């Protein structure tokens, strides 16, 4: 267990809701706020806080605009976010199976 290094876990991604956002966006690329909210069973405020943290880290980009008269917020995983998510998954895998 000499390779066990808990410090490799990205604290920004590791929260349940942020991990859910990153996992969903890694496949979808982009999602609208309401779709993410429904998929992750989150409240508006809770999801907003976690998206802001991911945005501050450069892991997602948030685009707010109007379509007709309705607001639309879209969240897109960035290249940095995709790379960070892959590092996160690799780090988790090495903690679970350090000989791999």
PDB file of N, CA and C in Angstrom:
ATOM      1  N   UNK A   1       0.820  -1.192   0.000  1.00  0.00           N
ATOM      2  CA  UNK A   1       0.000   0.000   0.000  1.00  0.00           C
ATOM      3  C   UNK A   1       0.871   1.265   0.000  1.00  0.00           C
ATOM      4  N   UNK A   2       2.106   1.144  -0.469  1.00  0.00           N
ATOM      5  CA  UNK A   2       2.989   2.306  -0.536  1.00  0.00           C
ATOM      6  C   UNK A   2       2.477   3.368  -1.505  1.00  0.00           C
ATOM      7  N   UNK A   3       1.668   2.962  -2.498  1.00  0.00           N
ATOM      8  CA  UNK A   3       1.153   3.902  -3.491  1.00  0.00           C
ATOM      9  C   UNK A   3      -0.122   4.602  -3.031  1.00  0.00           C
ATOM     10  N   UNK A   4      -0.624   4.256  -1.860  1.00  0.00           N
ATOM     11  CA  UNK A   4      -1.869   4.857  -1.367  1.00  0.00           C
ATOM     12  C   UNK A   4      -1.633   6.339  -1.083  1.00  0.00           C
ATOM     13  N   UNK A   5      -2.295   7.192  -1.860  1.00  0.00           N
ATOM     14  CA  UNK A   5      -2.116   8.640  -1.719  1.00  0.00           C
ATOM     15  C   UNK A   5      -3.472   9.332  -1.816  1.00  0.00           C
ATOM     16  N   UNK A   6      -4.079   9.561  -0.678  1.00  0.00           N
ATOM     17  CA  UNK A   6      -5.405  10.188  -0.629  1.00  0.00           C
ATOM     18  C   UNK A   6      -5.376  11.606  -1.185  1.00  0.00           C
ATOM     19  N   UNK A   7      -4.222  12.234  -1.213  1.00  0.00           N
ATOM     20  CA  UNK A   7      -4.084  13.603  -1.715  1.00  0.00           C
ATOM     21  C   UNK A   7      -4.349  13.695  -3.215  1.00  0.00           C
ATOM     22  N   UNK A   8      -4.348  12.591  -3.915  1.00  0.00           N
ATOM     23  CA  UNK A   8      -4.621  12.600  -5.357  1.00  0.00           C
ATOM     24  C   UNK A   8      -6.105  12.826  -5.669  1.00  0.00           C
ATOM     25  N   UNK A   9      -6.949  12.713  -4.659  1.00  0.00           N
ATOM     26  CA  UNK A   9      -8.390  12.902  -4.872  1.00  0.00           C
ATOM     27  C   UNK A   9      -8.690  14.390  -4.978  1.00  0.00           C
ATOM     28  N   UNK A  10      -9.288  14.783  -6.078  1.00  0.00           N
ATOM     29  CA  UNK A  10      -9.636  16.186  -6.335  1.00  0.00           C
ATOM     30  C   UNK A  10     -10.846  16.567  -5.482  1.00  0.00           C
ATOM     31  N   UNK A  11     -10.625  17.431  -4.501  1.00  0.00           N
ATOM     32  CA  UNK A  11     -11.689  17.853  -3.583  1.00  0.00           C
ATOM     33  C   UNK A  11     -12.825  18.573  -4.305  1.00  0.00           C
ATOM     34  N   UNK A  12     -12.519  19.254  -5.393  1.00  0.00           N
ATOM     35  CA  UNK A  12     -13.557  19.981  -6.128  1.00  0.00           C
ATOM     36  C   UNK A  12     -14.553  18.996  -6.733  1.00  0.00           C
ATOM     37  N   UNK A  13     -14.072  17.908  -7.268  1.00  0.00           N
ATOM     38  CA  UNK A  13     -14.942  16.925  -7.919  1.00  0.00           C
ATOM     39  C   UNK A  13     -15.580  15.980  -6.906  1.00  0.00           C
ATOM     40  N   UNK A  14     -14.919  15.705  -5.797  1.00  0.00           N
ATOM     41  CA  UNK A  14     -15.286  14.602  -4.923  1.00  0.00           C
ATOM     42  C   UNK A  14     -16.656  14.718  -4.262  1.00  0.00           C
ATOM     43  N   UNK A  15     -17.209  15.886  -4.109  1.00  0.00           N
ATOM     44  CA  UNK A  15     -18.548  16.002  -3.527  1.00  0.00           C
ATOM     45  C   UNK A  15     -19.588  15.280  -4.373  1.00  0.00           C
ATOM     46  N   UNK A  16     -20.564  14.659  -3.744  1.00  0.00           N
ATOM     47  CA  UNK A  16     -21.546  13.828  -4.453  1.00  0.00           C
ATOM     48  C   UNK A  16     -22.196  14.548  -5.619  1.00  0.00           C
ATOM     49  N   UNK A  17     -22.675  15.758  -5.393  1.00  0.00           N
ATOM     50  CA  UNK A  17     -23.370  16.477  -6.452  1.00  0.00           C
ATOM     51  C   UNK A  17     -22.407  16.906  -7.567  1.00  0.00           C
ATOM     52  N   UNK A  18     -21.227  17.374  -7.193  1.00  0.00           N
ATOM     53  CA  UNK A  18     -20.241  17.774  -8.204  1.00  0.00           C
ATOM     54  C   UNK A  18     -19.765  16.567  -8.993  1.00  0.00           C
ATOM     55  N   UNK A  19     -19.589  15.438  -8.327  1.00  0.00           N
ATOM     56  CA  UNK A  19     -19.226  14.210  -9.024  1.00  0.00           C
ATOM     57  C   UNK A  19     -20.324  13.820 -10.004  1.00  0.00           C
ATOM     58  N   UNK A  20     -21.571  13.956  -9.590  1.00  0.00           N
ATOM     59  CA  UNK A  20     -22.695  13.662 -10.482  1.00  0.00           C
ATOM     60  C   UNK A  20     -22.706  14.564 -11.706  1.00  0.00           C
ATOM     61  N   UNK A  21     -22.444  15.847 -11.501  1.00  0.00           N
ATOM     62  CA  UNK A  21     -22.387  16.796 -12.622  1.00  0.00           C
ATOM     63  C   UNK A  21     -21.297  16.378 -13.589  1.00  0.00           C
ATOM     64  N   UNK A  22     -20.105  16.113 -13.057  1.00  0.00           N
ATOM     65  CA  UNK A  22     -18.974  15.759 -13.918  1.00  0.00           C
ATOM     66  C   UNK A  22     -19.219  14.441 -14.647  1.00  0.00           C
ATOM     67  N   UNK A  23     -19.779  13.463 -13.950  1.00  0.00           N
ATOM     68  CA  UNK A  23     -20.064  12.173 -14.582  1.00  0.00           C
ATOM     69  C   UNK A  23     -21.086  12.342 -15.697  1.00  0.00           C
ATOM     70  N   UNK A  24     -22.143  13.100 -15.441  1.00  0.00           N
ATOM     71  CA  UNK A  24     -23.164  13.303 -16.464  1.00  0.00           C
ATOM     72  C   UNK A  24     -22.595  14.057 -17.664  1.00  0.00           C
ATOM     73  N   UNK A  25     -21.873  15.140 -17.392  1.00  0.00           N
ATOM     74  CA  UNK A  25     -21.335  15.943 -18.487  1.00  0.00           C
ATOM     75  C   UNK A  25     -20.229  15.233 -19.252  1.00  0.00           C
ATOM     76  N   UNK A  26     -19.537  14.298 -18.619  1.00  0.00           N
ATOM     77  CA  UNK A  26     -18.491  13.582 -19.334  1.00  0.00           C
ATOM     78  C   UNK A  26     -19.074  12.790 -20.501  1.00  0.00           C
ATOM     79  N   UNK A  27     -20.320  12.384 -20.367  1.00  0.00           N
ATOM     80  CA  UNK A  27     -20.994  11.676 -21.458  1.00  0.00           C
ATOM     81  C   UNK A  27     -21.795  12.605 -22.354  1.00  0.00           C
ATOM     82  N   UNK A  28     -22.474  13.563 -21.735  1.00  0.00           N
ATOM     83  CA  UNK A  28     -23.379  14.440 -22.491  1.00  0.00           C
ATOM     84  C   UNK A  28     -22.664  15.637 -23.110  1.00  0.00           C
ATOM     85  N   UNK A  29     -21.590  16.092 -22.483  1.00  0.00           N
ATOM     86  CA  UNK A  29     -20.897  17.283 -22.976  1.00  0.00           C
ATOM     87  C   UNK A  29     -21.524  18.563 -22.466  1.00  0.00           C
ATOM     88  N   UNK A  30     -22.813  18.732 -22.729  1.00  0.00           N
ATOM     89  CA  UNK A  30     -23.564  19.924 -22.326  1.00  0.00           C
ATOM     90  C   UNK A  30     -24.935  19.501 -21.809  1.00  0.00           C
ATOM     91  N   UNK A  31     -25.408  20.225 -20.811  1.00  0.00           N
ATOM     92  CA  UNK A  31     -26.755  19.977 -20.294  1.00  0.00           C
ATOM     93  C   UNK A  31     -27.346  21.291 -19.819  1.00  0.00           C
ATOM     94  N   UNK A  32     -28.671  21.383 -19.896  1.00  0.00           N
ATOM     95  CA  UNK A  32     -29.306  22.582 -19.365  1.00  0.00           C
ATOM     96  C   UNK A  32     -29.512  22.405 -17.858  1.00  0.00           C
ATOM     97  N   UNK A  33     -29.588  23.540 -17.174  1.00  0.00           N
ATOM     98  CA  UNK A  33     -29.674  23.562 -15.721  1.00  0.00           C
ATOM     99  C   UNK A  33     -30.824  22.697 -15.211  1.00  0.00           C
ATOM    100  N   UNK A  34     -32.011  22.856 -15.796  1.00  0.00           N
ATOM    101  CA  UNK A  34     -33.172  22.108 -15.304  1.00  0.00           C
ATOM    102  C   UNK A  34     -33.023  20.612 -15.531  1.00  0.00           C
ATOM    103  N   UNK A  35     -32.385  20.229 -16.625  1.00  0.00           N
ATOM    104  CA  UNK A  35     -32.130  18.817 -16.876  1.00  0.00           C
ATOM    105  C   UNK A  35     -31.176  18.233 -15.842  1.00  0.00           C
ATOM    106  N   UNK A  36     -30.117  18.963 -15.546  1.00  0.00           N
ATOM    107  CA  UNK A  36     -29.175  18.527 -14.513  1.00  0.00           C
ATOM    108  C   UNK A  36     -29.856  18.442 -13.156  1.00  0.00           C
ATOM    109  N   UNK A  37     -30.642  19.457 -12.856  1.00  0.00           N
ATOM    110  CA  UNK A  37     -31.344  19.500 -11.574  1.00  0.00           C
ATOM    111  C   UNK A  37     -32.236  18.272 -11.403  1.00  0.00           C
ATOM    112  N   UNK A  38     -32.977  17.924 -12.440  1.00  0.00           N
ATOM    113  CA  UNK A  38     -33.864  16.765 -12.374  1.00  0.00           C
ATOM    114  C   UNK A  38     -33.068  15.468 -12.286  1.00  0.00           C
ATOM    115  N   UNK A  39     -32.046  15.356 -13.103  1.00  0.00           N
ATOM    116  CA  UNK A  39     -31.241  14.136 -13.149  1.00  0.00           C
ATOM    117  C   UNK A  39     -30.536  13.869 -11.815  1.00  0.00           C
ATOM    118  N   UNK A  40     -30.061  14.942 -11.183  1.00  0.00           N
ATOM    119  CA  UNK A  40     -29.303  14.811  -9.945  1.00  0.00           C
ATOM    120  C   UNK A  40     -30.163  14.969  -8.692  1.00  0.00           C
ATOM    121  N   UNK A  41     -31.470  15.214  -8.886  1.00  0.00           N
ATOM    122  CA  UNK A  41     -32.412  15.399  -7.781  1.00  0.00           C
ATOM    123  C   UNK A  41     -31.910  16.460  -6.810  1.00  0.00           C
ATOM    124  N   UNK A  42     -31.555  17.615  -7.377  1.00  0.00           N
ATOM    125  CA  UNK A  42     -31.003  18.720  -6.596  1.00  0.00           C
ATOM    126  C   UNK A  42     -31.987  19.881  -6.576  1.00  0.00           C
ATOM    127  N   UNK A  43     -31.788  20.779  -5.632  1.00  0.00           N
ATOM    128  CA  UNK A  43     -32.567  22.014  -5.618  1.00  0.00           C
ATOM    129  C   UNK A  43     -31.827  23.065  -6.453  1.00  0.00           C
ATOM    130  N   UNK A  44     -32.523  24.119  -6.816  1.00  0.00           N
ATOM    131  CA  UNK A  44     -31.905  25.201  -7.582  1.00  0.00           C
ATOM    132  C   UNK A  44     -30.672  25.749  -6.869  1.00  0.00           C
ATOM    133  N   UNK A  45     -30.847  26.101  -5.601  1.00  0.00           N
ATOM    134  CA  UNK A  45     -29.767  26.715  -4.844  1.00  0.00           C
ATOM    135  C   UNK A  45     -28.575  25.795  -4.660  1.00  0.00           C
ATOM    136  N   UNK A  46     -28.841  24.542  -4.322  1.00  0.00           N
ATOM    137  CA  UNK A  46     -27.767  23.589  -4.101  1.00  0.00           C
ATOM    138  C   UNK A  46     -26.970  23.357  -5.383  1.00  0.00           C
ATOM    139  N   UNK A  47     -27.662  23.146  -6.488  1.00  0.00           N
ATOM    140  CA  UNK A  47     -26.987  22.924  -7.760  1.00  0.00           C
ATOM    141  C   UNK A  47     -26.196  24.161  -8.170  1.00  0.00           C
ATOM    142  N   UNK A  48     -26.761  25.328  -7.977  1.00  0.00           N
ATOM    143  CA  UNK A  48     -26.067  26.570  -8.329  1.00  0.00           C
ATOM    144  C   UNK A  48     -24.743  26.714  -7.595  1.00  0.00           C
ATOM    145  N   UNK A  49     -24.748  26.413  -6.305  1.00  0.00           N
ATOM    146  CA  UNK A  49     -23.526  26.523  -5.496  1.00  0.00           C
ATOM    147  C   UNK A  49     -22.453  25.574  -6.021  1.00  0.00           C
ATOM    148  N   UNK A  50     -22.847  24.349  -6.313  1.00  0.00           N
ATOM    149  CA  UNK A  50     -21.875  23.358  -6.777  1.00  0.00           C
ATOM    150  C   UNK A  50     -21.383  23.665  -8.192  1.00  0.00           C
ATOM    151  N   UNK A  51     -22.258  24.159  -9.033  1.00  0.00           N
ATOM    152  CA  UNK A  51     -21.825  24.549 -10.381  1.00  0.00           C
ATOM    153  C   UNK A  51     -20.838  25.708 -10.315  1.00  0.00           C
ATOM    154  N   UNK A  52     -21.070  26.634  -9.421  1.00  0.00           N
ATOM    155  CA  UNK A  52     -20.157  27.770  -9.266  1.00  0.00           C
ATOM    156  C   UNK A  52     -18.764  27.294  -8.863  1.00  0.00           C
ATOM    157  N   UNK A  53     -18.715  26.313  -7.968  1.00  0.00           N
ATOM    158  CA  UNK A  53     -17.423  25.771  -7.530  1.00  0.00           C
ATOM    159  C   UNK A  53     -16.704  25.091  -8.697  1.00  0.00           C
ATOM    160  N   UNK A  54     -17.434  24.344  -9.502  1.00  0.00           N
ATOM    161  CA  UNK A  54     -16.839  23.706 -10.674  1.00  0.00           C
ATOM    162  C   UNK A  54     -16.403  24.747 -11.708  1.00  0.00           C
ATOM    163  N   UNK A  55     -17.198  25.793 -11.858  1.00  0.00           N
ATOM    164  CA  UNK A  55     -16.847  26.865 -12.793  1.00  0.00           C
ATOM    165  C   UNK A  55     -15.602  27.609 -12.313  1.00  0.00           C
ATOM    166  N   UNK A  56     -15.525  27.903 -11.032  1.00  0.00           N
ATOM    167  CA  UNK A  56     -14.363  28.595 -10.473  1.00  0.00           C
ATOM    168  C   UNK A  56     -13.077  27.788 -10.690  1.00  0.00           C
ATOM    169  N   UNK A  57     -13.201  26.466 -10.690  1.00  0.00           N
ATOM    170  CA  UNK A  57     -12.041  25.595 -10.915  1.00  0.00           C
ATOM    171  C   UNK A  57     -11.708  25.469 -12.398  1.00  0.00           C
ATOM    172  N   UNK A  58     -12.598  25.964 -13.265  1.00  0.00           N
ATOM    173  CA  UNK A  58     -12.374  25.860 -14.702  1.00  0.00           C
ATOM    174  C   UNK A  58     -12.824  24.537 -15.297  1.00  0.00           C
ATOM    175  N   UNK A  59     -13.612  23.780 -14.534  1.00  0.00           N
ATOM    176  CA  UNK A  59     -14.044  22.460 -14.980  1.00  0.00           C
ATOM    177  C   UNK A  59     -15.304  22.492 -15.840  1.00  0.00           C
ATOM    178  N   UNK A  60     -16.123  23.517 -15.668  1.00  0.00           N
ATOM    179  CA  UNK A  60     -17.318  23.686 -16.498  1.00  0.00           C
ATOM    180  C   UNK A  60     -17.414  25.138 -16.939  1.00  0.00           C
ATOM    181  N   UNK A  61     -18.095  25.335 -18.044  1.00  0.00           N
ATOM    182  CA  UNK A  61     -18.422  26.681 -18.514  1.00  0.00           C
ATOM    183  C   UNK A  61     -19.939  26.818 -18.436  1.00  0.00           C
ATOM    184  N   UNK A  62     -20.389  27.965 -17.974  1.00  0.00           N
ATOM    185  CA  UNK A  62     -21.821  28.203 -17.824  1.00  0.00           C
ATOM    186  C   UNK A  62     -22.223  29.331 -18.752  1.00  0.00           C
ATOM    187  N   UNK A  63     -23.242  29.060 -19.567  1.00  0.00           N
ATOM    188  CA  UNK A  63     -23.747  30.039 -20.525  1.00  0.00           C
ATOM    189  C   UNK A  63     -25.196  30.352 -20.172  1.00  0.00           C
ATOM    190  N   UNK A  64     -25.460  31.611 -19.864  1.00  0.00           N
ATOM    191  CA  UNK A  64     -26.822  32.043 -19.527  1.00  0.00           C
ATOM    192  C   UNK A  64     -27.314  32.956 -20.631  1.00  0.00           C
ATOM    193  N   UNK A  65     -28.504  32.659 -21.152  1.00  0.00           N
ATOM    194  CA  UNK A  65     -29.083  33.486 -22.214  1.00  0.00           C
ATOM    195  C   UNK A  65     -30.600  33.302 -22.202  1.00  0.00           C
ATOM    196  N   UNK A  66     -31.239  34.040 -23.049  1.00  0.00           N
ATOM    197  CA  UNK A  66     -32.686  33.913 -23.197  1.00  0.00           C
ATOM    198  C   UNK A  66     -32.997  33.260 -24.532  1.00  0.00           C
ATOM    199  N   UNK A  67     -33.960  32.362 -24.512  1.00  0.00           N
ATOM    200  CA  UNK A  67     -34.506  31.777 -25.732  1.00  0.00           C
ATOM    201  C   UNK A  67     -35.947  32.242 -25.762  1.00  0.00           C
ATOM    202  N   UNK A  68     -36.213  33.148 -26.688  1.00  0.00           N
ATOM    203  CA  UNK A  68     -37.488  33.844 -26.639  1.00  0.00           C
ATOM    204  C   UNK A  68     -37.483  34.707 -25.399  1.00  0.00           C
ATOM    205  N   UNK A  69     -38.448  34.497 -24.545  1.00  0.00           N
ATOM    206  CA  UNK A  69     -38.492  35.256 -23.290  1.00  0.00           C
ATOM    207  C   UNK A  69     -38.146  34.406 -22.076  1.00  0.00           C
ATOM    208  N   UNK A  70     -37.680  33.180 -22.337  1.00  0.00           N
ATOM    209  CA  UNK A  70     -37.364  32.275 -21.237  1.00  0.00           C
ATOM    210  C   UNK A  70     -35.851  32.192 -21.033  1.00  0.00           C
ATOM    211  N   UNK A  71     -35.413  32.246 -19.774  1.00  0.00           N
ATOM    212  CA  UNK A  71     -33.982  32.088 -19.505  1.00  0.00           C
ATOM    213  C   UNK A  71     -33.538  30.648 -19.734  1.00  0.00           C
ATOM    214  N   UNK A  72     -32.336  30.495 -20.243  1.00  0.00           N
ATOM    215  CA  UNK A  72     -31.751  29.174 -20.462  1.00  0.00           C
ATOM    216  C   UNK A  72     -30.318  29.207 -19.942  1.00  0.00           C
ATOM    217  N   UNK A  73     -30.012  28.285 -19.053  1.00  0.00           N
ATOM    218  CA  UNK A  73     -28.661  28.142 -18.535  1.00  0.00           C
ATOM    219  C   UNK A  73     -28.145  26.784 -18.979  1.00  0.00           C
ATOM    220  N   UNK A  74     -27.020  26.815 -19.693  1.00  0.00           N
ATOM    221  CA  UNK A  74     -26.397  25.572 -20.145  1.00  0.00           C
ATOM    222  C   UNK A  74     -25.026  25.429 -19.497  1.00  0.00           C
ATOM    223  N   UNK A  75     -24.705  24.202 -19.143  1.00  0.00           N
ATOM    224  CA  UNK A  75     -23.437  23.882 -18.507  1.00  0.00           C
ATOM    225  C   UNK A  75     -22.691  22.923 -19.421  1.00  0.00           C
ATOM    226  N   UNK A  76     -21.423  23.247 -19.701  1.00  0.00           N
ATOM    227  CA  UNK A  76     -20.595  22.438 -20.584  1.00  0.00           C
ATOM    228  C   UNK A  76     -19.307  22.072 -19.878  1.00  0.00           C
ATOM    229  N   UNK A  77     -18.916  20.818 -19.979  1.00  0.00           N
ATOM    230  CA  UNK A  77     -17.635  20.409 -19.415  1.00  0.00           C
ATOM    231  C   UNK A  77     -16.525  21.004 -20.289  1.00  0.00           C
ATOM    232  N   UNK A  78     -15.478  21.506 -19.661  1.00  0.00           N
ATOM    233  CA  UNK A  78     -14.345  22.070 -20.394  1.00  0.00           C
ATOM    234  C   UNK A  78     -13.296  20.973 -20.613  1.00  0.00           C
ATOM    235  N   UNK A  79     -12.318  21.265 -21.452  1.00  0.00           N
ATOM    236  CA  UNK A  79     -11.220  20.316 -21.644  1.00  0.00           C
ATOM    237  C   UNK A  79     -10.485  20.093 -20.322  1.00  0.00           C
ATOM    238  N   UNK A  80     -10.269  21.178 -19.576  1.00  0.00           N
ATOM    239  CA  UNK A  80      -9.620  21.050 -18.267  1.00  0.00           C
ATOM    240  C   UNK A  80     -10.471  20.192 -17.333  1.00  0.00           C
ATOM    241  N   UNK A  81     -11.792  20.354 -17.400  1.00  0.00           N
ATOM    242  CA  UNK A  81     -12.696  19.562 -16.583  1.00  0.00           C
ATOM    243  C   UNK A  81     -12.674  18.096 -16.964  1.00  0.00           C
ATOM    244  N   UNK A  82     -12.640  17.824 -18.259  1.00  0.00           N
ATOM    245  CA  UNK A  82     -12.578  16.432 -18.727  1.00  0.00           C
ATOM    246  C   UNK A  82     -11.271  15.777 -18.240  1.00  0.00           C
ATOM    247  N   UNK A  83     -10.160  16.510 -18.363  1.00  0.00           N
ATOM    248  CA  UNK A  83      -8.868  15.979 -17.916  1.00  0.00           C
ATOM    249  C   UNK A  83      -8.865  15.766 -16.402  1.00  0.00           C
ATOM    250  N   UNK A  84      -9.433  16.702 -15.651  1.00  0.00           N
ATOM    251  CA  UNK A  84      -9.498  16.573 -14.194  1.00  0.00           C
ATOM    252  C   UNK A  84     -10.364  15.384 -13.796  1.00  0.00           C
ATOM    253  N   UNK A  85     -11.454  15.154 -14.517  1.00  0.00           N
ATOM    254  CA  UNK A  85     -12.341  14.042 -14.211  1.00  0.00           C
ATOM    255  C   UNK A  85     -11.628  12.715 -14.473  1.00  0.00           C
ATOM    256  N   UNK A  86     -10.884  12.634 -15.543  1.00  0.00           N
ATOM    257  CA  UNK A  86     -10.123  11.415 -15.839  1.00  0.00           C
ATOM    258  C   UNK A  86      -9.072  11.176 -14.755  1.00  0.00           C
ATOM    259  N   UNK A  87      -8.372  12.246 -14.335  1.00  0.00           N
ATOM    260  CA  UNK A  87      -7.396  12.107 -13.243  1.00  0.00           C
ATOM    261  C   UNK A  87      -8.091  11.635 -11.964  1.00  0.00           C
ATOM    262  N   UNK A  88      -9.274  12.180 -11.701  1.00  0.00           N
ATOM    263  CA  UNK A  88     -10.045  11.788 -10.514  1.00  0.00           C
ATOM    264  C   UNK A  88     -10.373  10.296 -10.570  1.00  0.00           C
ATOM    265  N   UNK A  89     -10.878   9.847 -11.706  1.00  0.00           N
ATOM    266  CA  UNK A  89     -11.224   8.431 -11.843  1.00  0.00           C
ATOM    267  C   UNK A  89      -9.992   7.543 -11.707  1.00  0.00           C
ATOM    268  N   UNK A  90      -8.883   7.966 -12.293  1.00  0.00           N
ATOM    269  CA  UNK A  90      -7.635   7.207 -12.160  1.00  0.00           C
ATOM    270  C   UNK A  90      -7.186   7.143 -10.706  1.00  0.00           C
ATOM    271  N   UNK A  91      -7.294   8.264 -10.003  1.00  0.00           N
ATOM    272  CA  UNK A  91      -6.898   8.306  -8.591  1.00  0.00           C
ATOM    273  C   UNK A  91      -7.790   7.383  -7.762  1.00  0.00           C
ATOM    274  N   UNK A  92      -9.078   7.409  -8.010  1.00  0.00           N
ATOM    275  CA  UNK A  92      -9.996   6.527  -7.273  1.00  0.00           C
ATOM    276  C   UNK A  92      -9.676   5.067  -7.568  1.00  0.00           C
ATOM    277  N   UNK A  93      -9.405   4.749  -8.825  1.00  0.00           N
ATOM    278  CA  UNK A  93      -9.076   3.381  -9.198  1.00  0.00           C
ATOM    279  C   UNK A  93      -7.791   2.922  -8.499  1.00  0.00           C
ATOM    280  N   UNK A  94      -6.819   3.808  -8.393  1.00  0.00           N
ATOM    281  CA  UNK A  94      -5.561   3.421  -7.744  1.00  0.00           C
ATOM    282  C   UNK A  94      -5.740   3.235  -6.235  1.00  0.00           C
ATOM    283  N   UNK A  95      -6.696   3.923  -5.640  1.00  0.00           N
ATOM    284  CA  UNK A  95      -6.969   3.717  -4.216  1.00  0.00           C
ATOM    285  C   UNK A  95      -7.675   2.388  -3.964  1.00  0.00           C
ATOM    286  N   UNK A  96      -8.562   2.041  -4.884  1.00  0.00           N
ATOM    287  CA  UNK A  96      -9.325   0.805  -4.742  1.00  0.00           C
ATOM    288  C   UNK A  96      -8.482  -0.414  -5.104  1.00  0.00           C
ATOM    289  N   UNK A  97      -7.671  -0.259  -6.143  1.00  0.00           N
ATOM    290  CA  UNK A  97      -6.845  -1.363  -6.630  1.00  0.00           C
ATOM    291  C   UNK A  97      -5.430  -0.852  -6.862  1.00  0.00           C
ATOM    292  N   UNK A  98      -4.626  -0.723  -5.816  1.00  0.00           N
ATOM    293  CA  UNK A  98      -3.308  -0.107  -5.945  1.00  0.00           C
ATOM    294  C   UNK A  98      -2.311  -0.892  -6.802  1.00  0.00           C
ATOM    295  N   UNK A  99      -2.585  -2.161  -7.083  1.00  0.00           N
ATOM    296  CA  UNK A  99      -1.656  -2.960  -7.886  1.00  0.00           C
ATOM    297  C   UNK A  99      -1.914  -2.840  -9.371  1.00  0.00           C
ATOM    298  N   UNK A 100      -2.992  -2.172  -9.753  1.00  0.00           N
ATOM    299  CA  UNK A 100      -3.342  -2.076 -11.190  1.00  0.00           C
ATOM    300  C   UNK A 100      -2.480  -1.045 -11.891  1.00  0.00           C
TER     301      UNK A 100
END
